[in-house]
Amino acid sequence: MNAKAKALGMTNTRYVEPTGLSIHNVSTARDLTKLMLATKQYPLIGQLSTTTERMATFKDPNYTLPFSQYQPSGLQPEMEYPADQNRLYQPGRALPGDAYRDR
């Protein structure tokens, strides 16, 4: 993932694991924009990120897994997001991210 991020020009991004759940995965808004633009080359990413349930088929090794999410997110400009989903939203643009209050 780090090699792909570098190839995309994401110079301020570092992944420590692939799920996106670790607080040690870091990036910037500019780098995440580069990532979102790169996903347009892969229509399946858009389909999976806007579908509540689907089967994902892998070729090497060959197997199928169910894929589901509680609520569709991202990549469709007409969608609106609840505030608790931590997305910077503007019509036509969606950017995943987290924000924390400085106490």
N, C-alpha and C. Protein backbone atom coordinates (compact mmCIF):
# COMPACT_ATOMS: atom_id res chain seq x y z
N MET A 1 0.81 -1.19 0.00
CA MET A 1 0.00 0.00 0.00
C MET A 1 0.86 1.26 0.00
N ASN A 2 1.93 1.24 0.75
CA ASN A 2 2.81 2.41 0.77
C ASN A 2 3.46 2.64 -0.58
N ALA A 3 3.81 1.56 -1.28
CA ALA A 3 4.41 1.69 -2.61
C ALA A 3 3.39 2.29 -3.59
N LYS A 4 2.14 1.85 -3.51
CA LYS A 4 1.09 2.38 -4.39
C LYS A 4 0.83 3.84 -4.07
N ALA A 5 0.81 4.18 -2.78
CA ALA A 5 0.61 5.58 -2.38
C ALA A 5 1.73 6.45 -2.96
N LYS A 6 2.95 5.97 -2.87
CA LYS A 6 4.08 6.71 -3.42
C LYS A 6 3.95 6.87 -4.93
N ALA A 7 3.53 5.79 -5.62
CA ALA A 7 3.35 5.84 -7.07
C ALA A 7 2.27 6.84 -7.48
N LEU A 8 1.29 7.05 -6.61
CA LEU A 8 0.22 8.01 -6.88
C LEU A 8 0.62 9.44 -6.51
N GLY A 9 1.83 9.60 -5.96
CA GLY A 9 2.29 10.92 -5.55
C GLY A 9 1.80 11.33 -4.18
N MET A 10 1.37 10.36 -3.38
CA MET A 10 0.87 10.63 -2.03
C MET A 10 2.07 10.66 -1.08
N THR A 11 2.78 11.77 -1.05
CA THR A 11 4.04 11.87 -0.33
C THR A 11 3.89 12.02 1.18
N ASN A 12 2.69 12.32 1.65
CA ASN A 12 2.46 12.51 3.09
C ASN A 12 1.56 11.42 3.67
N THR A 13 1.58 10.25 3.06
CA THR A 13 0.73 9.13 3.50
C THR A 13 1.60 7.96 3.92
N ARG A 14 1.25 7.36 5.07
CA ARG A 14 1.95 6.16 5.57
C ARG A 14 0.90 5.20 6.11
N TYR A 15 0.93 3.98 5.62
CA TYR A 15 0.02 2.94 6.11
C TYR A 15 0.81 1.96 6.97
N VAL A 16 0.23 1.55 8.09
CA VAL A 16 0.86 0.51 8.92
C VAL A 16 0.06 -0.79 8.85
N GLU A 17 -1.17 -0.72 8.35
CA GLU A 17 -2.00 -1.91 8.15
C GLU A 17 -3.12 -1.55 7.17
N PRO A 18 -3.74 -2.54 6.52
CA PRO A 18 -4.63 -2.27 5.39
C PRO A 18 -6.09 -1.95 5.69
N THR A 19 -6.55 -2.09 6.93
CA THR A 19 -7.98 -1.91 7.18
C THR A 19 -8.40 -0.44 7.27
N GLY A 20 -7.45 0.44 7.55
CA GLY A 20 -7.79 1.84 7.75
C GLY A 20 -8.23 2.14 9.16
N LEU A 21 -8.16 1.16 10.05
CA LEU A 21 -8.63 1.34 11.42
C LEU A 21 -7.56 1.84 12.37
N SER A 22 -6.31 1.65 12.05
CA SER A 22 -5.24 2.05 12.95
C SER A 22 -5.06 3.56 12.97
N ILE A 23 -4.85 4.12 14.15
CA ILE A 23 -4.59 5.55 14.26
C ILE A 23 -3.21 5.89 13.72
N HIS A 24 -2.41 4.88 13.42
CA HIS A 24 -1.06 5.10 12.90
C HIS A 24 -1.03 5.19 11.37
N ASN A 25 -2.16 4.91 10.71
CA ASN A 25 -2.29 5.20 9.28
C ASN A 25 -2.50 6.70 9.16
N VAL A 26 -1.63 7.39 8.45
CA VAL A 26 -1.73 8.85 8.35
C VAL A 26 -1.73 9.30 6.90
N SER A 27 -2.41 10.42 6.66
CA SER A 27 -2.46 11.00 5.33
C SER A 27 -2.86 12.46 5.46
N THR A 28 -2.93 13.14 4.33
CA THR A 28 -3.38 14.53 4.29
C THR A 28 -4.59 14.62 3.36
N ALA A 29 -5.31 15.72 3.44
CA ALA A 29 -6.46 15.93 2.55
C ALA A 29 -6.00 15.90 1.09
N ARG A 30 -4.86 16.49 0.80
CA ARG A 30 -4.35 16.51 -0.57
C ARG A 30 -4.05 15.09 -1.06
N ASP A 31 -3.42 14.28 -0.21
CA ASP A 31 -3.11 12.90 -0.61
C ASP A 31 -4.38 12.07 -0.78
N LEU A 32 -5.36 12.25 0.11
CA LEU A 32 -6.61 11.50 -0.01
C LEU A 32 -7.37 11.89 -1.28
N THR A 33 -7.24 13.15 -1.69
CA THR A 33 -7.84 13.57 -2.95
C THR A 33 -7.19 12.84 -4.11
N LYS A 34 -5.87 12.68 -4.07
CA LYS A 34 -5.18 11.92 -5.12
C LYS A 34 -5.67 10.47 -5.15
N LEU A 35 -5.88 9.90 -3.97
CA LEU A 35 -6.38 8.53 -3.89
C LEU A 35 -7.79 8.42 -4.47
N MET A 36 -8.66 9.35 -4.10
CA MET A 36 -10.03 9.32 -4.61
C MET A 36 -10.06 9.47 -6.13
N LEU A 37 -9.22 10.35 -6.67
CA LEU A 37 -9.16 10.52 -8.13
C LEU A 37 -8.66 9.25 -8.81
N ALA A 38 -7.71 8.57 -8.18
CA ALA A 38 -7.17 7.33 -8.75
C ALA A 38 -8.21 6.22 -8.78
N THR A 39 -9.16 6.23 -7.85
CA THR A 39 -10.18 5.17 -7.82
C THR A 39 -11.10 5.22 -9.02
N LYS A 40 -11.16 6.35 -9.71
CA LYS A 40 -12.01 6.43 -10.91
C LYS A 40 -11.57 5.46 -12.00
N GLN A 41 -10.33 5.01 -11.95
CA GLN A 41 -9.83 4.04 -12.92
C GLN A 41 -10.34 2.63 -12.65
N TYR A 42 -10.95 2.43 -11.48
CA TYR A 42 -11.41 1.11 -11.06
C TYR A 42 -12.89 1.18 -10.69
N PRO A 43 -13.81 1.02 -11.65
CA PRO A 43 -15.24 1.15 -11.37
C PRO A 43 -15.74 0.24 -10.25
N LEU A 44 -15.10 -0.90 -10.05
CA LEU A 44 -15.53 -1.81 -8.99
C LEU A 44 -15.43 -1.15 -7.62
N ILE A 45 -14.44 -0.30 -7.41
CA ILE A 45 -14.31 0.40 -6.12
C ILE A 45 -15.54 1.26 -5.88
N GLY A 46 -15.97 1.99 -6.89
CA GLY A 46 -17.17 2.80 -6.77
C GLY A 46 -18.41 1.97 -6.49
N GLN A 47 -18.51 0.83 -7.16
CA GLN A 47 -19.66 -0.05 -6.93
C GLN A 47 -19.67 -0.60 -5.51
N LEU A 48 -18.53 -1.06 -5.03
CA LEU A 48 -18.47 -1.63 -3.68
C LEU A 48 -18.67 -0.59 -2.60
N SER A 49 -18.23 0.64 -2.84
CA SER A 49 -18.34 1.66 -1.80
C SER A 49 -19.70 2.35 -1.78
N THR A 50 -20.57 2.04 -2.72
CA THR A 50 -21.91 2.63 -2.74
C THR A 50 -23.00 1.57 -2.69
N THR A 51 -22.63 0.33 -2.46
CA THR A 51 -23.57 -0.78 -2.39
C THR A 51 -23.58 -1.33 -0.98
N THR A 52 -24.77 -1.61 -0.44
CA THR A 52 -24.82 -2.10 0.93
C THR A 52 -24.40 -3.55 1.07
N GLU A 53 -24.60 -4.37 0.03
CA GLU A 53 -24.21 -5.77 0.12
C GLU A 53 -23.85 -6.31 -1.26
N ARG A 54 -22.80 -7.09 -1.32
CA ARG A 54 -22.31 -7.61 -2.60
C ARG A 54 -21.34 -8.77 -2.33
N MET A 55 -21.13 -9.61 -3.32
CA MET A 55 -20.13 -10.67 -3.22
C MET A 55 -18.87 -10.19 -3.93
N ALA A 56 -17.74 -10.28 -3.28
CA ALA A 56 -16.45 -9.91 -3.87
C ALA A 56 -15.73 -11.19 -4.29
N THR A 57 -15.37 -11.29 -5.56
CA THR A 57 -14.70 -12.48 -6.09
C THR A 57 -13.23 -12.16 -6.36
N PHE A 58 -12.35 -12.99 -5.87
CA PHE A 58 -10.91 -12.81 -6.04
C PHE A 58 -10.38 -13.92 -6.95
N LYS A 59 -9.35 -13.59 -7.72
CA LYS A 59 -8.83 -14.55 -8.70
C LYS A 59 -7.60 -15.31 -8.23
N ASP A 60 -6.77 -14.72 -7.37
CA ASP A 60 -5.53 -15.38 -6.99
C ASP A 60 -5.24 -15.17 -5.51
N PRO A 61 -5.61 -16.06 -4.63
CA PRO A 61 -6.26 -17.34 -4.87
C PRO A 61 -7.75 -17.13 -5.20
N ASN A 62 -8.36 -18.12 -5.78
CA ASN A 62 -9.73 -18.04 -6.25
C ASN A 62 -10.71 -18.30 -5.10
N TYR A 63 -11.44 -17.27 -4.68
CA TYR A 63 -12.46 -17.42 -3.64
C TYR A 63 -13.41 -16.24 -3.69
N THR A 64 -14.54 -16.38 -3.00
CA THR A 64 -15.56 -15.34 -2.95
C THR A 64 -15.89 -15.04 -1.50
N LEU A 65 -16.05 -13.76 -1.18
CA LEU A 65 -16.41 -13.34 0.17
C LEU A 65 -17.58 -12.37 0.11
N PRO A 66 -18.49 -12.44 1.09
CA PRO A 66 -19.55 -11.42 1.14
C PRO A 66 -18.96 -10.09 1.59
N PHE A 67 -19.44 -9.03 1.02
CA PHE A 67 -18.99 -7.68 1.37
C PHE A 67 -20.23 -6.88 1.71
N SER A 68 -20.26 -6.25 2.87
CA SER A 68 -21.41 -5.42 3.21
C SER A 68 -20.97 -4.27 4.08
N GLN A 69 -21.77 -3.24 4.08
CA GLN A 69 -21.54 -2.11 4.96
C GLN A 69 -22.88 -1.64 5.51
N TYR A 70 -22.82 -1.05 6.68
CA TYR A 70 -24.04 -0.60 7.36
C TYR A 70 -24.80 0.42 6.51
N GLN A 71 -24.06 1.37 5.93
CA GLN A 71 -24.67 2.41 5.12
C GLN A 71 -23.74 2.72 3.95
N PRO A 72 -24.26 2.88 2.74
CA PRO A 72 -23.39 3.22 1.61
C PRO A 72 -22.64 4.51 1.88
N SER A 73 -21.42 4.59 1.37
CA SER A 73 -20.65 5.82 1.57
C SER A 73 -19.82 6.12 0.34
N GLY A 74 -19.57 7.38 0.13
CA GLY A 74 -18.59 7.85 -0.84
C GLY A 74 -18.88 7.67 -2.31
N LEU A 75 -18.17 8.44 -3.10
CA LEU A 75 -18.05 8.33 -4.54
C LEU A 75 -19.31 8.62 -5.34
N GLN A 76 -20.42 9.01 -4.72
CA GLN A 76 -21.58 9.46 -5.47
C GLN A 76 -21.92 10.86 -5.00
N PRO A 77 -21.79 11.87 -5.87
CA PRO A 77 -21.91 13.26 -5.45
C PRO A 77 -23.27 13.64 -4.90
N GLU A 78 -24.35 12.95 -5.27
CA GLU A 78 -25.66 13.35 -4.79
C GLU A 78 -25.99 12.82 -3.40
N MET A 79 -25.10 12.00 -2.84
CA MET A 79 -25.35 11.44 -1.51
C MET A 79 -25.08 12.46 -0.42
N GLU A 80 -25.85 12.38 0.67
CA GLU A 80 -25.61 13.22 1.83
C GLU A 80 -25.16 12.31 2.97
N TYR A 81 -24.34 12.85 3.86
CA TYR A 81 -23.76 12.05 4.93
C TYR A 81 -24.15 12.61 6.29
N PRO A 82 -24.52 11.75 7.23
CA PRO A 82 -24.74 12.23 8.60
C PRO A 82 -23.44 12.80 9.16
N ALA A 83 -23.55 13.75 10.08
CA ALA A 83 -22.36 14.40 10.63
C ALA A 83 -21.44 13.41 11.33
N ASP A 84 -21.99 12.35 11.91
CA ASP A 84 -21.14 11.42 12.65
C ASP A 84 -20.29 10.53 11.76
N GLN A 85 -20.42 10.64 10.44
CA GLN A 85 -19.58 9.82 9.56
C GLN A 85 -18.26 10.49 9.24
N ASN A 86 -18.02 11.68 9.77
CA ASN A 86 -16.71 12.35 9.64
C ASN A 86 -16.24 12.48 8.21
N ARG A 87 -17.08 13.02 7.35
CA ARG A 87 -16.68 13.25 5.97
C ARG A 87 -16.78 14.73 5.67
N LEU A 88 -15.79 15.22 4.97
CA LEU A 88 -15.82 16.58 4.47
C LEU A 88 -16.64 16.52 3.19
N TYR A 89 -17.79 17.17 3.16
CA TYR A 89 -18.70 17.01 2.04
C TYR A 89 -18.95 18.34 1.33
N GLN A 90 -18.92 18.29 0.03
CA GLN A 90 -19.27 19.40 -0.83
C GLN A 90 -19.90 18.76 -2.06
N PRO A 91 -20.96 19.34 -2.62
CA PRO A 91 -21.58 18.69 -3.78
C PRO A 91 -20.54 18.33 -4.84
N GLY A 92 -20.54 17.08 -5.24
CA GLY A 92 -19.59 16.61 -6.25
C GLY A 92 -18.28 16.09 -5.68
N ARG A 93 -18.09 16.23 -4.37
CA ARG A 93 -16.82 15.81 -3.77
C ARG A 93 -17.11 15.14 -2.41
N ALA A 94 -16.41 14.07 -2.12
CA ALA A 94 -16.49 13.43 -0.81
C ALA A 94 -15.08 13.04 -0.40
N LEU A 95 -14.72 13.35 0.82
CA LEU A 95 -13.37 13.06 1.30
C LEU A 95 -13.46 12.35 2.64
N PRO A 96 -12.97 11.11 2.73
CA PRO A 96 -13.01 10.41 4.01
C PRO A 96 -11.99 10.99 4.97
N GLY A 97 -12.29 10.95 6.25
CA GLY A 97 -11.32 11.44 7.22
C GLY A 97 -11.89 11.43 8.62
N ASP A 98 -11.07 11.81 9.57
CA ASP A 98 -11.47 11.91 10.97
C ASP A 98 -11.09 13.27 11.51
N ALA A 99 -11.85 13.71 12.49
CA ALA A 99 -11.53 14.98 13.16
C ALA A 99 -11.71 14.78 14.66
N TYR A 100 -10.85 15.40 15.42
CA TYR A 100 -10.91 15.33 16.87
C TYR A 100 -10.91 16.73 17.44
N ARG A 101 -11.70 16.94 18.49
CA ARG A 101 -11.77 18.24 19.14
C ARG A 101 -10.51 18.45 19.97
N ASP A 102 -9.90 19.61 19.83
CA ASP A 102 -8.72 19.97 20.63
C ASP A 102 -9.22 20.42 21.99
N ARG A 103 -8.89 19.67 23.03
CA ARG A 103 -9.41 20.00 24.37
C ARG A 103 -8.39 20.70 25.20
